[in-house]
Amino acid sequence: MAERKAGKPISEAVAQAARAGAEGVEQRERRRRGRPSDAFGGDIRRRDVFPLLVLHLITREPTYGNRLIEEIEEMTQGVISVNPNTMYPLLREMEGEGLIEGRWELPDRRTRRYYSITPAGRRQYKRLLGEVEPFLDSVIRSVSLIKREIYG
């Protein structure tokens, strides 16, 4: 019985942390016609984390898709791996929205496509910085609570 009482506040805290992270992004989720899902699954990719990472990395210097994939995997020490089938549609979508601009390294041969951030992308980057942080904080809190529950 003591274990059950100890587990209940943790589960409530995890649920509360997840709800806190969802604030401010619910409207965006509705616009994308997505349904809320587990923060430890595909939600990491959907909740503007990947667009924020892409914009963040591109603000440093123009770069290409495979390099973005490598940098995200290096940054997360392999915890988040990015599939090209995720990255390239995202880059095309962001380019279509005018957030980034792509140019072929050698236009005649269509080799690497280098992406740079646009003024609209800089505005989106600043907006996402504020919107994504509460979600990331909720994920950190949830993982910390789980670790504390399991390992003490």
N, C-alpha and C. Protein backbone atom coordinates (compact mmCIF):
# COMPACT_ATOMS: atom_id res chain seq x y z
N MET A 1 0.81 -1.19 0.00
CA MET A 1 0.00 0.00 0.00
C MET A 1 0.86 1.27 0.00
N ALA A 2 1.98 1.22 0.74
CA ALA A 2 2.84 2.41 0.80
C ALA A 2 3.37 2.74 -0.58
N GLU A 3 3.71 1.72 -1.38
CA GLU A 3 4.20 1.97 -2.73
C GLU A 3 3.15 2.66 -3.58
N ARG A 4 1.91 2.24 -3.41
CA ARG A 4 0.83 2.81 -4.19
C ARG A 4 0.64 4.29 -3.88
N LYS A 5 0.71 4.64 -2.59
CA LYS A 5 0.57 6.04 -2.21
C LYS A 5 1.72 6.87 -2.75
N ALA A 6 2.95 6.32 -2.71
CA ALA A 6 4.11 7.04 -3.22
C ALA A 6 4.02 7.23 -4.72
N GLY A 7 3.46 6.24 -5.44
CA GLY A 7 3.39 6.32 -6.89
C GLY A 7 2.34 7.30 -7.39
N LYS A 8 1.26 7.47 -6.65
CA LYS A 8 0.18 8.32 -7.11
C LYS A 8 0.60 9.78 -7.26
N PRO A 9 1.27 10.39 -6.27
CA PRO A 9 1.68 11.79 -6.46
C PRO A 9 2.63 11.96 -7.64
N ILE A 10 3.49 10.99 -7.88
CA ILE A 10 4.41 11.07 -9.02
C ILE A 10 3.63 11.06 -10.32
N SER A 11 2.67 10.15 -10.43
CA SER A 11 1.90 10.09 -11.68
C SER A 11 1.10 11.37 -11.88
N GLU A 12 0.60 11.92 -10.78
CA GLU A 12 -0.12 13.19 -10.89
C GLU A 12 0.83 14.31 -11.32
N ALA A 13 2.05 14.31 -10.78
CA ALA A 13 3.03 15.33 -11.14
C ALA A 13 3.44 15.21 -12.60
N VAL A 14 3.60 13.97 -13.08
CA VAL A 14 3.93 13.76 -14.49
C VAL A 14 2.80 14.28 -15.37
N ALA A 15 1.57 13.97 -15.00
CA ALA A 15 0.42 14.45 -15.76
C ALA A 15 0.36 15.97 -15.74
N GLN A 16 0.63 16.57 -14.58
CA GLN A 16 0.61 18.02 -14.47
C GLN A 16 1.71 18.64 -15.34
N ALA A 17 2.89 18.04 -15.35
CA ALA A 17 3.99 18.55 -16.17
C ALA A 17 3.65 18.46 -17.65
N ALA A 18 3.01 17.38 -18.05
CA ALA A 18 2.62 17.22 -19.45
C ALA A 18 1.58 18.27 -19.84
N ARG A 19 0.62 18.52 -18.93
CA ARG A 19 -0.39 19.55 -19.22
C ARG A 19 0.25 20.92 -19.33
N ALA A 20 1.23 21.21 -18.46
CA ALA A 20 1.90 22.50 -18.50
C ALA A 20 2.62 22.70 -19.83
N GLY A 21 3.23 21.63 -20.34
CA GLY A 21 3.93 21.73 -21.61
C GLY A 21 3.01 21.92 -22.79
N ALA A 22 1.78 21.47 -22.64
CA ALA A 22 0.82 21.58 -23.74
C ALA A 22 0.26 23.00 -23.88
N GLU A 23 0.36 23.79 -22.80
CA GLU A 23 -0.16 25.16 -22.86
C GLU A 23 0.60 25.96 -23.90
N GLY A 24 -0.11 26.77 -24.63
CA GLY A 24 0.51 27.62 -25.62
C GLY A 24 0.73 26.99 -26.98
N VAL A 25 0.59 25.66 -27.07
CA VAL A 25 0.77 25.01 -28.36
C VAL A 25 -0.51 24.32 -28.83
N GLU A 26 -1.55 24.35 -27.99
CA GLU A 26 -2.80 23.67 -28.36
C GLU A 26 -3.38 24.21 -29.65
N GLN A 27 -3.38 25.53 -29.82
CA GLN A 27 -3.92 26.11 -31.05
C GLN A 27 -3.13 25.65 -32.26
N ARG A 28 -1.84 25.61 -32.13
CA ARG A 28 -1.00 25.18 -33.24
C ARG A 28 -1.29 23.72 -33.60
N GLU A 29 -1.51 22.88 -32.58
CA GLU A 29 -1.84 21.48 -32.83
C GLU A 29 -3.15 21.37 -33.60
N ARG A 30 -4.14 22.18 -33.21
CA ARG A 30 -5.42 22.14 -33.92
C ARG A 30 -5.26 22.56 -35.36
N ARG A 31 -4.46 23.58 -35.60
CA ARG A 31 -4.23 24.04 -36.97
C ARG A 31 -3.61 22.94 -37.82
N ARG A 32 -2.74 22.15 -37.22
CA ARG A 32 -2.07 21.07 -37.97
C ARG A 32 -2.93 19.81 -38.02
N ARG A 33 -4.10 19.87 -37.42
CA ARG A 33 -5.02 18.75 -37.38
C ARG A 33 -4.42 17.53 -36.69
N GLY A 34 -3.40 17.77 -35.87
CA GLY A 34 -2.81 16.65 -35.13
C GLY A 34 -3.54 16.44 -33.82
N ARG A 35 -3.43 15.27 -33.29
CA ARG A 35 -4.03 15.02 -31.99
C ARG A 35 -2.91 14.91 -30.97
N PRO A 36 -3.17 15.31 -29.74
CA PRO A 36 -2.13 15.22 -28.72
C PRO A 36 -1.65 13.78 -28.59
N SER A 37 -0.38 13.63 -28.34
CA SER A 37 0.16 12.28 -28.17
C SER A 37 1.22 12.29 -27.08
N ASP A 38 1.79 11.14 -26.83
CA ASP A 38 2.78 10.97 -25.78
C ASP A 38 4.02 11.81 -26.06
N ALA A 39 4.44 12.58 -25.09
CA ALA A 39 5.61 13.45 -25.24
C ALA A 39 6.89 12.68 -25.49
N PHE A 40 6.90 11.39 -25.12
CA PHE A 40 8.11 10.61 -25.29
C PHE A 40 8.16 9.89 -26.62
N GLY A 41 7.18 10.08 -27.44
CA GLY A 41 7.15 9.46 -28.77
C GLY A 41 7.34 10.51 -29.83
N GLY A 42 6.45 10.51 -30.81
CA GLY A 42 6.56 11.42 -31.93
C GLY A 42 6.32 12.87 -31.58
N ASP A 43 5.82 13.14 -30.38
CA ASP A 43 5.51 14.51 -29.99
C ASP A 43 6.75 15.39 -30.01
N ILE A 44 7.90 14.84 -29.69
CA ILE A 44 9.14 15.61 -29.72
C ILE A 44 9.32 16.23 -31.10
N ARG A 45 8.99 15.49 -32.13
CA ARG A 45 9.16 15.98 -33.49
C ARG A 45 8.06 16.95 -33.90
N ARG A 46 6.86 16.73 -33.41
CA ARG A 46 5.73 17.55 -33.84
C ARG A 46 5.62 18.88 -33.13
N ARG A 47 6.06 18.99 -31.94
CA ARG A 47 5.84 20.20 -31.15
C ARG A 47 6.87 21.28 -31.45
N ASP A 48 7.15 21.50 -32.67
CA ASP A 48 8.02 22.58 -33.12
C ASP A 48 9.47 22.44 -32.69
N VAL A 49 9.83 21.29 -32.09
CA VAL A 49 11.22 21.12 -31.67
C VAL A 49 12.13 21.01 -32.90
N PHE A 50 11.74 20.21 -33.88
CA PHE A 50 12.59 20.08 -35.07
C PHE A 50 12.67 21.38 -35.85
N PRO A 51 11.55 22.07 -36.10
CA PRO A 51 11.70 23.36 -36.78
C PRO A 51 12.59 24.33 -36.01
N LEU A 52 12.45 24.35 -34.68
CA LEU A 52 13.31 25.22 -33.87
C LEU A 52 14.77 24.82 -34.02
N LEU A 53 15.06 23.53 -33.96
CA LEU A 53 16.44 23.07 -34.13
C LEU A 53 16.99 23.45 -35.50
N VAL A 54 16.19 23.24 -36.53
CA VAL A 54 16.63 23.58 -37.89
C VAL A 54 16.92 25.07 -37.99
N LEU A 55 16.00 25.89 -37.53
CA LEU A 55 16.22 27.34 -37.59
C LEU A 55 17.43 27.74 -36.76
N HIS A 56 17.57 27.14 -35.59
CA HIS A 56 18.72 27.45 -34.73
C HIS A 56 20.04 27.14 -35.44
N LEU A 57 20.12 25.96 -36.03
CA LEU A 57 21.37 25.56 -36.69
C LEU A 57 21.64 26.39 -37.94
N ILE A 58 20.58 26.73 -38.66
CA ILE A 58 20.76 27.51 -39.89
C ILE A 58 21.12 28.96 -39.58
N THR A 59 20.73 29.47 -38.40
CA THR A 59 21.12 30.85 -38.05
C THR A 59 22.63 30.96 -37.90
N ARG A 60 23.29 29.87 -37.54
CA ARG A 60 24.75 29.90 -37.37
C ARG A 60 25.47 30.00 -38.70
N GLU A 61 24.97 29.23 -39.68
CA GLU A 61 25.55 29.26 -41.02
C GLU A 61 24.65 28.46 -41.96
N PRO A 62 24.64 28.84 -43.24
CA PRO A 62 23.86 28.03 -44.19
C PRO A 62 24.39 26.60 -44.19
N THR A 63 23.49 25.66 -44.30
CA THR A 63 23.89 24.25 -44.26
C THR A 63 22.90 23.42 -45.06
N TYR A 64 23.17 22.14 -45.18
CA TYR A 64 22.36 21.23 -45.99
C TYR A 64 21.74 20.16 -45.11
N GLY A 65 20.76 19.45 -45.66
CA GLY A 65 19.95 18.51 -44.89
C GLY A 65 20.72 17.45 -44.14
N ASN A 66 21.62 16.75 -44.80
CA ASN A 66 22.36 15.68 -44.12
C ASN A 66 23.21 16.23 -42.98
N ARG A 67 23.74 17.41 -43.15
CA ARG A 67 24.53 18.02 -42.07
C ARG A 67 23.64 18.36 -40.89
N LEU A 68 22.42 18.85 -41.15
CA LEU A 68 21.47 19.13 -40.08
C LEU A 68 21.16 17.84 -39.30
N ILE A 69 20.95 16.75 -40.03
CA ILE A 69 20.68 15.46 -39.39
C ILE A 69 21.84 15.08 -38.49
N GLU A 70 23.06 15.20 -38.99
CA GLU A 70 24.26 14.87 -38.21
C GLU A 70 24.38 15.75 -36.97
N GLU A 71 24.14 17.05 -37.13
CA GLU A 71 24.29 17.97 -36.00
C GLU A 71 23.27 17.69 -34.90
N ILE A 72 22.03 17.37 -35.28
CA ILE A 72 21.01 17.07 -34.28
C ILE A 72 21.38 15.79 -33.54
N GLU A 73 21.86 14.79 -34.27
CA GLU A 73 22.26 13.54 -33.63
C GLU A 73 23.47 13.74 -32.72
N GLU A 74 24.43 14.58 -33.15
CA GLU A 74 25.58 14.88 -32.30
C GLU A 74 25.16 15.63 -31.05
N MET A 75 24.29 16.63 -31.23
CA MET A 75 23.83 17.46 -30.13
C MET A 75 23.12 16.64 -29.05
N THR A 76 22.36 15.65 -29.48
CA THR A 76 21.58 14.83 -28.54
C THR A 76 22.31 13.53 -28.19
N GLN A 77 23.55 13.41 -28.60
CA GLN A 77 24.37 12.23 -28.36
C GLN A 77 23.66 10.96 -28.83
N GLY A 78 22.97 11.08 -29.96
CA GLY A 78 22.31 9.94 -30.57
C GLY A 78 20.96 9.58 -29.99
N VAL A 79 20.51 10.30 -28.97
CA VAL A 79 19.21 9.99 -28.37
C VAL A 79 18.09 10.29 -29.35
N ILE A 80 18.21 11.39 -30.08
CA ILE A 80 17.23 11.70 -31.12
C ILE A 80 17.92 11.48 -32.46
N SER A 81 17.43 10.51 -33.20
CA SER A 81 17.96 10.30 -34.54
C SER A 81 16.92 10.81 -35.53
N VAL A 82 17.40 11.45 -36.55
CA VAL A 82 16.52 12.08 -37.52
C VAL A 82 16.59 11.30 -38.83
N ASN A 83 15.44 10.90 -39.28
CA ASN A 83 15.33 10.17 -40.54
C ASN A 83 15.28 11.18 -41.68
N PRO A 84 15.98 10.93 -42.79
CA PRO A 84 15.86 11.83 -43.94
C PRO A 84 14.41 12.03 -44.39
N ASN A 85 13.57 11.01 -44.18
CA ASN A 85 12.15 11.14 -44.55
C ASN A 85 11.40 12.09 -43.63
N THR A 86 12.02 12.49 -42.55
CA THR A 86 11.48 13.52 -41.67
C THR A 86 12.09 14.87 -42.02
N MET A 87 13.40 14.88 -42.20
CA MET A 87 14.12 16.14 -42.40
C MET A 87 13.77 16.82 -43.73
N TYR A 88 13.83 16.08 -44.82
CA TYR A 88 13.66 16.73 -46.12
C TYR A 88 12.26 17.26 -46.36
N PRO A 89 11.20 16.56 -45.97
CA PRO A 89 9.88 17.18 -46.08
C PRO A 89 9.76 18.44 -45.20
N LEU A 90 10.38 18.41 -44.01
CA LEU A 90 10.35 19.58 -43.14
C LEU A 90 11.05 20.76 -43.82
N LEU A 91 12.21 20.50 -44.41
CA LEU A 91 12.94 21.57 -45.10
C LEU A 91 12.12 22.14 -46.26
N ARG A 92 11.47 21.26 -47.02
CA ARG A 92 10.63 21.74 -48.13
C ARG A 92 9.45 22.57 -47.61
N GLU A 93 8.85 22.10 -46.51
CA GLU A 93 7.72 22.84 -45.92
C GLU A 93 8.17 24.21 -45.43
N MET A 94 9.30 24.25 -44.74
CA MET A 94 9.81 25.51 -44.22
C MET A 94 10.21 26.45 -45.35
N GLU A 95 10.73 25.89 -46.41
CA GLU A 95 11.08 26.72 -47.57
C GLU A 95 9.80 27.26 -48.21
N GLY A 96 8.78 26.43 -48.32
CA GLY A 96 7.50 26.86 -48.88
C GLY A 96 6.85 27.96 -48.05
N GLU A 97 7.08 27.94 -46.75
CA GLU A 97 6.53 28.97 -45.86
C GLU A 97 7.39 30.23 -45.84
N GLY A 98 8.52 30.20 -46.56
CA GLY A 98 9.38 31.37 -46.61
C GLY A 98 10.26 31.56 -45.39
N LEU A 99 10.42 30.51 -44.60
CA LEU A 99 11.24 30.61 -43.39
C LEU A 99 12.72 30.40 -43.68
N ILE A 100 12.99 29.59 -44.68
CA ILE A 100 14.36 29.32 -45.12
C ILE A 100 14.41 29.42 -46.64
N GLU A 101 15.60 29.60 -47.14
CA GLU A 101 15.79 29.67 -48.59
C GLU A 101 16.85 28.65 -48.98
N GLY A 102 16.55 27.85 -49.99
CA GLY A 102 17.48 26.83 -50.43
C GLY A 102 18.12 27.18 -51.76
N ARG A 103 19.40 26.88 -51.86
CA ARG A 103 20.15 27.09 -53.12
C ARG A 103 21.03 25.87 -53.35
N TRP A 104 21.07 25.43 -54.59
CA TRP A 104 21.91 24.29 -54.94
C TRP A 104 23.36 24.72 -54.92
N GLU A 105 24.21 23.86 -54.38
CA GLU A 105 25.64 24.13 -54.34
C GLU A 105 26.18 24.30 -55.77
N LEU A 106 25.82 23.37 -56.63
CA LEU A 106 26.16 23.45 -58.05
C LEU A 106 24.85 23.34 -58.84
N PRO A 107 24.23 24.46 -59.17
CA PRO A 107 22.89 24.43 -59.78
C PRO A 107 22.77 23.53 -61.01
N ASP A 108 23.83 23.40 -61.78
CA ASP A 108 23.76 22.56 -62.98
C ASP A 108 23.67 21.08 -62.66
N ARG A 109 24.16 20.68 -61.48
CA ARG A 109 24.19 19.26 -61.14
C ARG A 109 23.26 18.87 -60.00
N ARG A 110 22.63 19.83 -59.38
CA ARG A 110 21.74 19.57 -58.24
C ARG A 110 22.43 18.70 -57.20
N THR A 111 23.54 19.16 -56.71
CA THR A 111 24.27 18.42 -55.68
C THR A 111 23.63 18.69 -54.32
N ARG A 112 24.31 19.36 -53.44
CA ARG A 112 23.76 19.68 -52.13
C ARG A 112 22.92 20.96 -52.22
N ARG A 113 21.83 20.96 -51.44
CA ARG A 113 21.00 22.15 -51.35
C ARG A 113 21.27 22.80 -50.00
N TYR A 114 21.87 23.97 -50.04
CA TYR A 114 22.19 24.70 -48.83
C TYR A 114 21.03 25.61 -48.47
N TYR A 115 20.70 25.60 -47.17
CA TYR A 115 19.58 26.40 -46.67
C TYR A 115 20.10 27.52 -45.79
N SER A 116 19.49 28.69 -45.96
CA SER A 116 19.79 29.84 -45.10
C SER A 116 18.47 30.38 -44.58
N ILE A 117 18.55 31.10 -43.48
CA ILE A 117 17.35 31.62 -42.84
C ILE A 117 16.94 32.95 -43.49
N THR A 118 15.66 33.18 -43.57
CA THR A 118 15.11 34.41 -44.13
C THR A 118 14.69 35.33 -42.97
N PRO A 119 14.36 36.58 -43.26
CA PRO A 119 13.83 37.45 -42.19
C PRO A 119 12.58 36.84 -41.52
N ALA A 120 11.70 36.24 -42.30
CA ALA A 120 10.51 35.59 -41.72
C ALA A 120 10.94 34.42 -40.83
N GLY A 121 11.98 33.71 -41.24
CA GLY A 121 12.51 32.61 -40.44
C GLY A 121 13.09 33.09 -39.12
N ARG A 122 13.73 34.25 -39.13
CA ARG A 122 14.27 34.82 -37.90
C ARG A 122 13.14 35.18 -36.93
N ARG A 123 12.06 35.72 -37.47
CA ARG A 123 10.91 36.04 -36.61
C ARG A 123 10.29 34.76 -36.03
N GLN A 124 10.17 33.74 -36.88
CA GLN A 124 9.63 32.45 -36.42
C GLN A 124 10.55 31.82 -35.37
N TYR A 125 11.83 31.93 -35.58
CA TYR A 125 12.81 31.40 -34.63
C TYR A 125 12.62 32.04 -33.26
N LYS A 126 12.50 33.36 -33.22
CA LYS A 126 12.30 34.07 -31.95
C LYS A 126 11.00 33.65 -31.29
N ARG A 127 9.95 33.48 -32.09
CA ARG A 127 8.65 33.06 -31.55
C ARG A 127 8.75 31.65 -30.97
N LEU A 128 9.37 30.74 -31.72
CA LEU A 128 9.49 29.35 -31.27
C LEU A 128 10.35 29.23 -30.01
N LEU A 129 11.35 30.08 -29.88
CA LEU A 129 12.19 30.04 -28.67
C LEU A 129 11.32 30.16 -27.43
N GLY A 130 10.35 31.05 -27.45
CA GLY A 130 9.47 31.23 -26.30
C GLY A 130 8.42 30.13 -26.17
N GLU A 131 7.91 29.65 -27.28
CA GLU A 131 6.83 28.66 -27.24
C GLU A 131 7.30 27.25 -26.90
N VAL A 132 8.47 26.87 -27.33
CA VAL A 132 8.93 25.49 -27.16
C VAL A 132 9.52 25.25 -25.78
N GLU A 133 10.08 26.27 -25.17
CA GLU A 133 10.75 26.08 -23.88
C GLU A 133 9.84 25.45 -22.82
N PRO A 134 8.58 25.88 -22.64
CA PRO A 134 7.73 25.23 -21.63
C PRO A 134 7.52 23.74 -21.92
N PHE A 135 7.40 23.38 -23.18
CA PHE A 135 7.25 21.96 -23.53
C PHE A 135 8.52 21.18 -23.15
N LEU A 136 9.68 21.71 -23.51
CA LEU A 136 10.93 21.03 -23.17
C LEU A 136 11.09 20.92 -21.66
N ASP A 137 10.73 21.98 -20.94
CA ASP A 137 10.79 21.93 -19.48
C ASP A 137 9.89 20.83 -18.93
N SER A 138 8.70 20.66 -19.53
CA SER A 138 7.79 19.61 -19.05
C SER A 138 8.35 18.22 -19.32
N VAL A 139 9.03 18.05 -20.44
CA VAL A 139 9.65 16.76 -20.74
C VAL A 139 10.77 16.48 -19.73
N ILE A 140 11.57 17.50 -19.45
CA ILE A 140 12.66 17.34 -18.47
C ILE A 140 12.09 16.98 -17.10
N ARG A 141 11.05 17.69 -16.68
CA ARG A 141 10.43 17.38 -15.38
C ARG A 141 9.89 15.96 -15.36
N SER A 142 9.22 15.57 -16.42
CA SER A 142 8.62 14.23 -16.47
C SER A 142 9.68 13.15 -16.40
N VAL A 143 10.73 13.29 -17.17
CA VAL A 143 11.81 12.30 -17.17
C VAL A 143 12.49 12.27 -15.80
N SER A 144 12.69 13.44 -15.20
CA SER A 144 13.30 13.49 -13.86
C SER A 144 12.41 12.78 -12.84
N LEU A 145 11.12 12.99 -12.91
CA LEU A 145 10.20 12.33 -11.98
C LEU A 145 10.20 10.82 -12.17
N ILE A 146 10.23 10.39 -13.40
CA ILE A 146 10.29 8.95 -13.68
C ILE A 146 11.59 8.36 -13.12
N LYS A 147 12.69 9.03 -13.39
CA LYS A 147 13.98 8.54 -12.89
C LYS A 147 13.99 8.48 -11.37
N ARG A 148 13.48 9.53 -10.72
CA ARG A 148 13.44 9.55 -9.27
C ARG A 148 12.55 8.44 -8.73
N GLU A 149 11.42 8.18 -9.38
CA GLU A 149 10.51 7.12 -8.94
C GLU A 149 11.19 5.76 -9.05
N ILE A 150 11.89 5.53 -10.12
CA ILE A 150 12.49 4.21 -10.36
C ILE A 150 13.79 4.02 -9.58
N TYR A 151 14.66 5.03 -9.59
CA TYR A 151 15.99 4.86 -9.01
C TYR A 151 16.16 5.54 -7.66
N GLY A 152 15.17 6.27 -7.24
CA GLY A 152 15.22 6.91 -5.92
C GLY A 152 15.96 8.22 -5.91
